[in-house]
Amino acid sequence: ALPELRARAREQGRGDAELRAWLLEGRGMARLGRAEEAERATLHARTLLSTERTRNRVYSLHLALTEGAAQKAAGRYPEAMRVFEEAARDARESGIVLLELEARLGLGSAELAAGSASGRDRLETLANEAEFRGAHRIAREARALIREDRPSPGVNG
């Protein structure tokens, strides 16, 4: 379905829709642990984002989340953590709370996968804050990761 959606968006000159489809595919492939496909989708999304017609802060942050997820799926945890940290900071500075929480979720997930003790603490803090802010899905995912607390390269990137 995504290849057809991308093709239709391209035909209609809807770079934003094509970009969203690549981002969705990248995140999905990362969640499945299919790093090579996630990285390919991320590259396509980055190329589209570099064009003037689709450039904006929200898409840039979504691209960063997709890139972090792809890095995590490939087992490149330090790079994934760097990307998620930058995305969280950029989202916070831009006042985009949900994307900041998403980036922190990715960061905590990458830290757990890397065996870092700080991941669990980060996710516990995030779960409480997300619940308080009404971001219940993020809170649930953070708590699920804490319960699992085992490395899983493609989960929730």
Protein backbone atom coordinates (compact mmCIF):
# COMPACT_ATOMS: atom_id res chain seq x y z
CA ALA A 1 0.00 0.00 0.00
CA LEU A 2 2.82 2.45 0.79
CA PRO A 3 4.49 2.14 -2.64
CA GLU A 4 1.15 2.97 -4.29
CA LEU A 5 0.59 5.87 -1.92
CA ARG A 6 4.06 7.24 -2.68
CA ALA A 7 3.53 6.88 -6.42
CA ARG A 8 0.16 8.62 -6.29
CA ALA A 9 1.58 11.43 -4.16
CA ARG A 10 4.50 11.87 -6.58
CA GLU A 11 2.13 12.00 -9.58
CA GLN A 12 0.03 14.64 -7.83
CA GLY A 13 3.07 16.69 -6.84
CA ARG A 14 2.35 16.09 -3.14
CA GLY A 15 5.85 15.91 -1.72
CA ASP A 16 4.48 16.13 1.81
CA ALA A 17 2.39 12.98 1.38
CA GLU A 18 5.26 11.13 -0.25
CA LEU A 19 7.55 12.21 2.59
CA ARG A 20 5.06 10.99 5.22
CA ALA A 21 4.85 7.62 3.46
CA TRP A 22 8.65 7.23 3.50
CA LEU A 23 8.77 8.21 7.18
CA LEU A 24 6.04 5.72 8.02
CA GLU A 25 7.83 2.98 6.14
CA GLY A 26 11.14 3.79 7.82
CA ARG A 27 9.68 3.67 11.32
CA GLY A 28 7.79 0.47 10.52
CA MET A 29 10.84 -1.29 9.13
CA ALA A 30 12.89 -0.21 12.16
CA ARG A 31 10.25 -1.60 14.52
CA LEU A 32 10.50 -4.89 12.66
CA GLY A 33 14.29 -4.85 13.00
CA ARG A 34 14.74 -4.50 9.24
CA ALA A 35 17.57 -1.98 9.44
CA GLU A 36 18.59 -1.90 5.78
CA GLU A 37 15.04 -1.15 4.62
CA ALA A 38 14.59 1.42 7.39
CA GLU A 39 17.79 3.17 6.32
CA ARG A 40 16.71 3.15 2.66
CA ALA A 41 13.38 4.76 3.56
CA THR A 42 15.19 7.31 5.74
CA LEU A 43 17.47 8.24 2.85
CA HIS A 44 14.46 8.80 0.55
CA ALA A 45 12.74 10.89 3.22
CA ARG A 46 15.88 12.99 3.76
CA THR A 47 16.13 13.63 0.01
CA LEU A 48 12.50 14.79 -0.14
CA LEU A 49 12.90 16.92 2.96
CA SER A 50 15.83 18.73 1.39
CA THR A 51 13.56 20.16 -1.28
CA GLU A 52 12.09 23.57 -0.64
CA ARG A 53 8.47 22.44 -0.96
CA THR A 54 8.54 19.98 1.94
CA ARG A 55 10.96 21.63 4.37
CA ASN A 56 9.60 22.31 7.85
CA ARG A 57 10.47 21.71 11.51
CA VAL A 58 7.92 18.96 12.21
CA TYR A 59 9.02 16.88 9.22
CA SER A 60 12.67 17.40 10.22
CA LEU A 61 11.91 16.05 13.69
CA HIS A 62 10.00 13.07 12.28
CA LEU A 63 12.97 12.36 10.03
CA ALA A 64 15.29 12.43 13.04
CA LEU A 65 13.03 9.97 14.89
CA THR A 66 13.03 7.69 11.85
CA GLU A 67 16.80 7.96 11.53
CA GLY A 68 17.27 7.16 15.23
CA ALA A 69 15.01 4.14 14.90
CA ALA A 70 16.95 2.91 11.86
CA GLN A 71 20.27 3.33 13.70
CA LYS A 72 18.89 1.41 16.68
CA ALA A 73 17.56 -1.37 14.43
CA ALA A 74 21.06 -1.67 12.92
CA GLY A 75 22.54 -2.03 16.40
CA ARG A 76 24.34 1.32 16.20
CA TYR A 77 23.17 2.38 19.65
CA PRO A 78 25.55 5.30 20.29
CA GLU A 79 24.51 6.92 17.00
CA ALA A 80 20.83 6.24 17.72
CA MET A 81 21.18 7.83 21.16
CA ARG A 82 22.90 10.89 19.68
CA VAL A 83 20.14 11.34 17.09
CA PHE A 84 17.36 10.91 19.68
CA GLU A 85 19.06 13.34 22.10
CA GLU A 86 19.35 15.99 19.38
CA ALA A 87 15.74 15.45 18.31
CA ALA A 88 14.51 15.77 21.91
CA ARG A 89 16.46 19.00 22.35
CA ASP A 90 15.24 20.45 19.03
CA ALA A 91 11.63 19.51 19.79
CA ARG A 92 11.86 21.02 23.28
CA GLU A 93 13.36 24.25 21.90
CA SER A 94 10.58 24.38 19.29
CA GLY A 95 7.86 23.69 21.85
CA ILE A 96 6.72 20.50 20.14
CA VAL A 97 5.99 18.45 23.25
CA LEU A 98 4.76 15.19 21.72
CA LEU A 99 7.77 14.88 19.44
CA GLU A 100 10.06 15.64 22.38
CA LEU A 101 8.40 12.80 24.32
CA GLU A 102 8.72 10.49 21.28
CA ALA A 103 12.42 11.31 21.00
CA ARG A 104 12.95 10.64 24.71
CA LEU A 105 11.12 7.32 24.30
CA GLY A 106 13.47 6.39 21.46
CA LEU A 107 16.46 7.46 23.51
CA GLY A 108 15.42 5.37 26.51
CA SER A 109 14.72 2.42 24.26
CA ALA A 110 18.15 2.71 22.62
CA GLU A 111 19.81 3.01 26.03
CA LEU A 112 18.09 -0.17 27.22
CA ALA A 113 19.08 -1.98 24.05
CA ALA A 114 22.68 -0.86 24.58
CA GLY A 115 22.60 -2.16 28.16
CA SER A 116 22.86 1.30 29.71
CA ALA A 117 21.47 1.59 33.24
CA SER A 118 20.26 5.13 32.53
CA GLY A 119 17.65 3.84 30.06
CA ARG A 120 15.40 2.43 32.75
CA ASP A 121 15.53 5.64 34.83
CA ARG A 122 14.90 7.77 31.74
CA LEU A 123 11.89 5.67 30.77
CA GLU A 124 10.42 5.74 34.29
CA THR A 125 10.68 9.55 34.36
CA LEU A 126 9.24 9.74 30.85
CA ALA A 127 6.31 7.44 31.67
CA ASN A 128 5.29 9.65 34.58
CA GLU A 129 5.68 12.89 32.63
CA ALA A 130 3.90 11.53 29.55
CA GLU A 131 0.99 10.34 31.71
CA PHE A 132 0.78 13.77 33.37
CA ARG A 133 0.78 15.50 29.96
CA GLY A 134 -1.92 13.20 28.58
CA ALA A 135 0.41 11.31 26.22
CA HIS A 136 -0.93 7.95 27.35
CA ARG A 137 0.41 5.90 24.43
CA ILE A 138 3.95 7.09 25.09
CA ALA A 139 3.53 6.37 28.82
CA ARG A 140 2.28 2.84 28.03
CA GLU A 141 5.17 2.18 25.64
CA ALA A 142 7.73 3.45 28.15
CA ARG A 143 6.30 1.19 30.85
CA ALA A 144 6.22 -1.78 28.47
CA LEU A 145 9.90 -1.25 27.67
CA ILE A 146 10.71 -1.09 31.39
CA ARG A 147 8.84 -4.37 31.97
CA GLU A 148 10.62 -6.07 29.08
CA ASP A 149 14.01 -4.50 29.90
CA ARG A 150 15.82 -6.64 27.37
CA PRO A 151 17.65 -5.63 24.20
CA SER A 152 15.48 -5.71 21.13
CA PRO A 153 17.00 -3.94 18.13
CA GLY A 154 13.80 -3.07 16.30
CA VAL A 155 11.32 -2.37 19.05
CA ASN A 156 9.93 1.11 19.42
CA GLY A 157 12.54 3.06 17.61
